[in-house]
C-alpha atoms as a PDB file:
ATOM      1  CA  MET A   1      91.366 103.485 115.470  1.00  0.00           C
ATOM      2  CA  LEU A   2      94.950 102.253 115.298  1.00  0.00           C
ATOM      3  CA  LEU A   3      94.548 100.523 111.949  1.00  0.00           C
ATOM      4  CA  GLN A   4      92.744 103.526 110.462  1.00  0.00           C
ATOM      5  CA  SER A   5      95.605 105.764 111.602  1.00  0.00           C
ATOM      6  CA  GLY A   6      97.965 103.689 109.479  1.00  0.00           C
ATOM      7  CA  VAL A   7      95.925 104.590 106.412  1.00  0.00           C
ATOM      8  CA  ASP A   8      96.067 108.343 106.957  1.00  0.00           C
ATOM      9  CA  PHE A   9      99.661 108.319 108.274  1.00  0.00           C
ATOM     10  CA  SER A  10      98.746 109.475 111.772  1.00  0.00           C
ATOM     11  CA  SER A  11      99.747 106.192 113.410  1.00  0.00           C
ATOM     12  CA  LYS A  12     102.623 107.746 115.361  1.00  0.00           C
ATOM     13  CA  ASN A  13     100.227 110.192 117.013  1.00  0.00           C
ATOM     14  CA  MET A  14      97.612 107.491 117.656  1.00  0.00           C
ATOM     15  CA  ILE A  15     100.192 105.165 119.221  1.00  0.00           C
ATOM     16  CA  SER A  16     101.369 108.001 121.468  1.00  0.00           C
ATOM     17  CA  LYS A  17      97.787 108.694 122.586  1.00  0.00           C
ATOM     18  CA  LEU A  18      96.924 105.033 123.194  1.00  0.00           C
ATOM     19  CA  ALA A  19     100.233 104.445 124.990  1.00  0.00           C
ATOM     20  CA  LYS A  20      99.199 106.977 127.646  1.00  0.00           C
ATOM     21  CA  VAL A  21      95.750 105.497 128.390  1.00  0.00           C
ATOM     22  CA  ASP A  22      95.669 104.230 131.999  1.00  0.00           C
ATOM     23  CA  CYS A  23      94.014 100.926 131.126  1.00  0.00           C
ATOM     24  CA  LEU A  24      93.606  99.825 127.512  1.00  0.00           C
ATOM     25  CA  PHE A  25      91.177  96.958 126.853  1.00  0.00           C
ATOM     26  CA  ILE A  26      91.595  95.092 123.583  1.00  0.00           C
ATOM     27  CA  GLU A  27      88.575  92.852 123.156  1.00  0.00           C
ATOM     28  CA  ASP A  28      88.478  89.715 121.003  1.00  0.00           C
ATOM     29  CA  LEU A  29      91.973  89.915 119.560  1.00  0.00           C
ATOM     30  CA  GLY A  30      92.034  87.685 116.515  1.00  0.00           C
ATOM     31  CA  VAL A  31      88.359  87.955 115.612  1.00  0.00           C
ATOM     32  CA  GLY A  32      88.400  88.791 111.943  1.00  0.00           C
ATOM     33  CA  ALA A  33      91.353  88.278 109.673  1.00  0.00           C
ATOM     34  CA  LEU A  34      94.043  90.871 109.222  1.00  0.00           C
ATOM     35  CA  SER A  35      94.003  92.454 105.781  1.00  0.00           C
ATOM     36  CA  ASP A  36      96.592  92.259 103.038  1.00  0.00           C
ATOM     37  CA  LYS A  37      98.566  94.899 104.914  1.00  0.00           C
ATOM     38  CA  LEU A  38      99.220  92.261 107.569  1.00  0.00           C
ATOM     39  CA  LEU A  39     102.766  93.251 108.426  1.00  0.00           C
ATOM     40  CA  ALA A  40     101.818  96.900 108.802  1.00  0.00           C
ATOM     41  CA  GLN A  41      98.883  96.033 111.079  1.00  0.00           C
ATOM     42  CA  ALA A  42     100.912  93.599 113.176  1.00  0.00           C
ATOM     43  CA  GLY A  43     103.736  96.132 113.332  1.00  0.00           C
ATOM     44  CA  LEU A  44     101.406  98.889 114.573  1.00  0.00           C
ATOM     45  CA  PHE A  45     100.021  96.590 117.269  1.00  0.00           C
ATOM     46  CA  PHE A  46     103.541  95.593 118.321  1.00  0.00           C
ATOM     47  CA  SER A  47     104.622  99.251 118.456  1.00  0.00           C
ATOM     48  CA  LEU A  48     101.687 100.095 120.705  1.00  0.00           C
ATOM     49  CA  MET A  49     102.328  97.153 123.045  1.00  0.00           C
ATOM     50  CA  ASP A  50     106.040  98.007 123.133  1.00  0.00           C
ATOM     51  CA  LYS A  51     105.278 101.610 124.169  1.00  0.00           C
ATOM     52  CA  ARG A  52     102.914 100.397 126.913  1.00  0.00           C
ATOM     53  CA  HIS A  53     105.317  97.672 128.099  1.00  0.00           C
ATOM     54  CA  ASN A  54     105.835  97.861 131.892  1.00  0.00           C
ATOM     55  CA  LYS A  55     104.216 101.314 132.037  1.00  0.00           C
ATOM     56  CA  THR A  56     100.436 100.947 131.960  1.00  0.00           C
ATOM     57  CA  CYS A  57      97.715  98.321 132.225  1.00  0.00           C
ATOM     58  CA  THR A  58      96.635  96.450 129.104  1.00  0.00           C
ATOM     59  CA  ILE A  59      93.879  93.847 129.112  1.00  0.00           C
ATOM     60  CA  ILE A  60      93.540  91.586 126.089  1.00  0.00           C
ATOM     61  CA  SER A  61      90.727  89.112 125.563  1.00  0.00           C
ATOM     62  CA  THR A  62      91.062  86.470 122.883  1.00  0.00           C
ATOM     63  CA  GLN A  63      89.860  83.006 122.096  1.00  0.00           C
ATOM     64  CA  PHE A  64      93.365  82.058 120.947  1.00  0.00           C
ATOM     65  CA  GLY A  65      96.049  80.490 123.062  1.00  0.00           C
ATOM     66  CA  PHE A  66      99.564  81.891 122.688  1.00  0.00           C
ATOM     67  CA  ASP A  67     100.420  78.966 120.388  1.00  0.00           C
ATOM     68  CA  ASP A  68      97.876  80.307 117.875  1.00  0.00           C
ATOM     69  CA  TRP A  69      99.115  83.900 117.826  1.00  0.00           C
ATOM     70  CA  GLY A  70     101.925  83.186 115.356  1.00  0.00           C
ATOM     71  CA  GLU A  71      99.439  81.896 112.813  1.00  0.00           C
ATOM     72  CA  TYR A  72      97.275  84.979 113.264  1.00  0.00           C
ATOM     73  CA  PHE A  73     100.090  87.529 112.995  1.00  0.00           C
ATOM     74  CA  LYS A  74     101.957  85.506 110.322  1.00  0.00           C
ATOM     75  CA  ASP A  75     105.343  86.515 111.738  1.00  0.00           C
ATOM     76  CA  SER A  76     106.913  84.210 114.307  1.00  0.00           C
ATOM     77  CA  HIS A  77     109.627  86.682 115.383  1.00  0.00           C
ATOM     78  CA  LEU A  78     107.210  89.563 115.910  1.00  0.00           C
ATOM     79  CA  THR A  79     104.804  87.233 117.729  1.00  0.00           C
ATOM     80  CA  ALA A  80     107.545  85.947 120.048  1.00  0.00           C
ATOM     81  CA  ALA A  81     108.638  89.507 120.865  1.00  0.00           C
ATOM     82  CA  LEU A  82     105.026  90.575 121.432  1.00  0.00           C
ATOM     83  CA  ILE A  83     104.228  87.665 123.758  1.00  0.00           C
ATOM     84  CA  ASP A  84     107.523  88.245 125.580  1.00  0.00           C
ATOM     85  CA  ARG A  85     106.584  91.855 126.334  1.00  0.00           C
ATOM     86  CA  LEU A  86     102.994  91.064 127.263  1.00  0.00           C
ATOM     87  CA  THR A  87     103.871  88.253 129.658  1.00  0.00           C
ATOM     88  CA  VAL A  88     106.759  89.859 131.575  1.00  0.00           C
ATOM     89  CA  ASN A  89     104.489  91.203 134.297  1.00  0.00           C
ATOM     90  CA  CYS A  90     101.018  89.777 133.798  1.00  0.00           C
ATOM     91  CA  ILE A  91      98.278  87.447 134.889  1.00  0.00           C
ATOM     92  CA  VAL A  92      96.895  85.021 132.315  1.00  0.00           C
ATOM     93  CA  PHE A  93      93.383  83.682 132.817  1.00  0.00           C
ATOM     94  CA  ASP A  94      92.738  80.485 130.865  1.00  0.00           C
ATOM     95  CA  MET A  95      88.968  80.361 130.558  1.00  0.00           C
ATOM     96  CA  GLN A  96      88.886  77.387 128.194  1.00  0.00           C
ATOM     97  CA  LYS A  97      87.079  75.083 130.611  1.00  0.00           C
ATOM     98  CA  CYS A  98      84.649  77.697 131.959  1.00  0.00           C
ATOM     99  CA  LYS A  99      80.969  77.608 131.148  1.00  0.00           C
ATOM    100  CA  SER A 100      79.430  80.584 129.422  1.00  0.00           C
ATOM    101  CA  ILE A 101      77.230  82.771 131.614  1.00  0.00           C
ATOM    102  CA  ARG A 102      75.335  84.081 128.598  1.00  0.00           C
ATOM    103  CA  ASN A 103      71.654  83.273 128.537  1.00  0.00           C
ATOM    104  CA  LYS A 104      70.963  80.736 125.802  1.00  0.00           C
ATOM    105  CA  ASN A 105      67.472  81.479 124.511  1.00  0.00           C
ATOM    106  CA  ILE A 106      67.602  79.444 121.334  1.00  0.00           C
ATOM    107  CA  THR A 107      64.374  78.694 119.517  1.00  0.00           C
ATOM    108  CA  PHE A 108      64.295  76.381 116.559  1.00  0.00           C
ATOM    109  CA  GLY A 109      61.443  76.565 114.122  1.00  0.00           C
ATOM    110  CA  THR A 110      60.601  76.024 110.524  1.00  0.00           C
ATOM    111  CA  VAL A 111      60.192  78.650 107.873  1.00  0.00           C
ATOM    112  CA  LYS A 112      56.878  78.441 106.000  1.00  0.00           C
END
């Protein structure tokens, strides 16, 4: 939604709407590469997080550690400011050593 709003120039309205949501859940941040409009996309995300900063609940799931965010967003200053805002009043769950609870029904066979 947010990235699409950048295309049709309604991003200011979309950021205002998303900034007011009681609890915003951003799932799998970093899955899929950002497009050529990287700075615009990263900037929109930063603007949204800045508006929500210390006002409402935001939950972000990602497979990246904070050290990897700079590579994803391709802007070390924006990344540092983003992480600074997100971690001021937060709880970080490091699930790296947890086992998956997903059922693994894998069947291997041959194609004839």
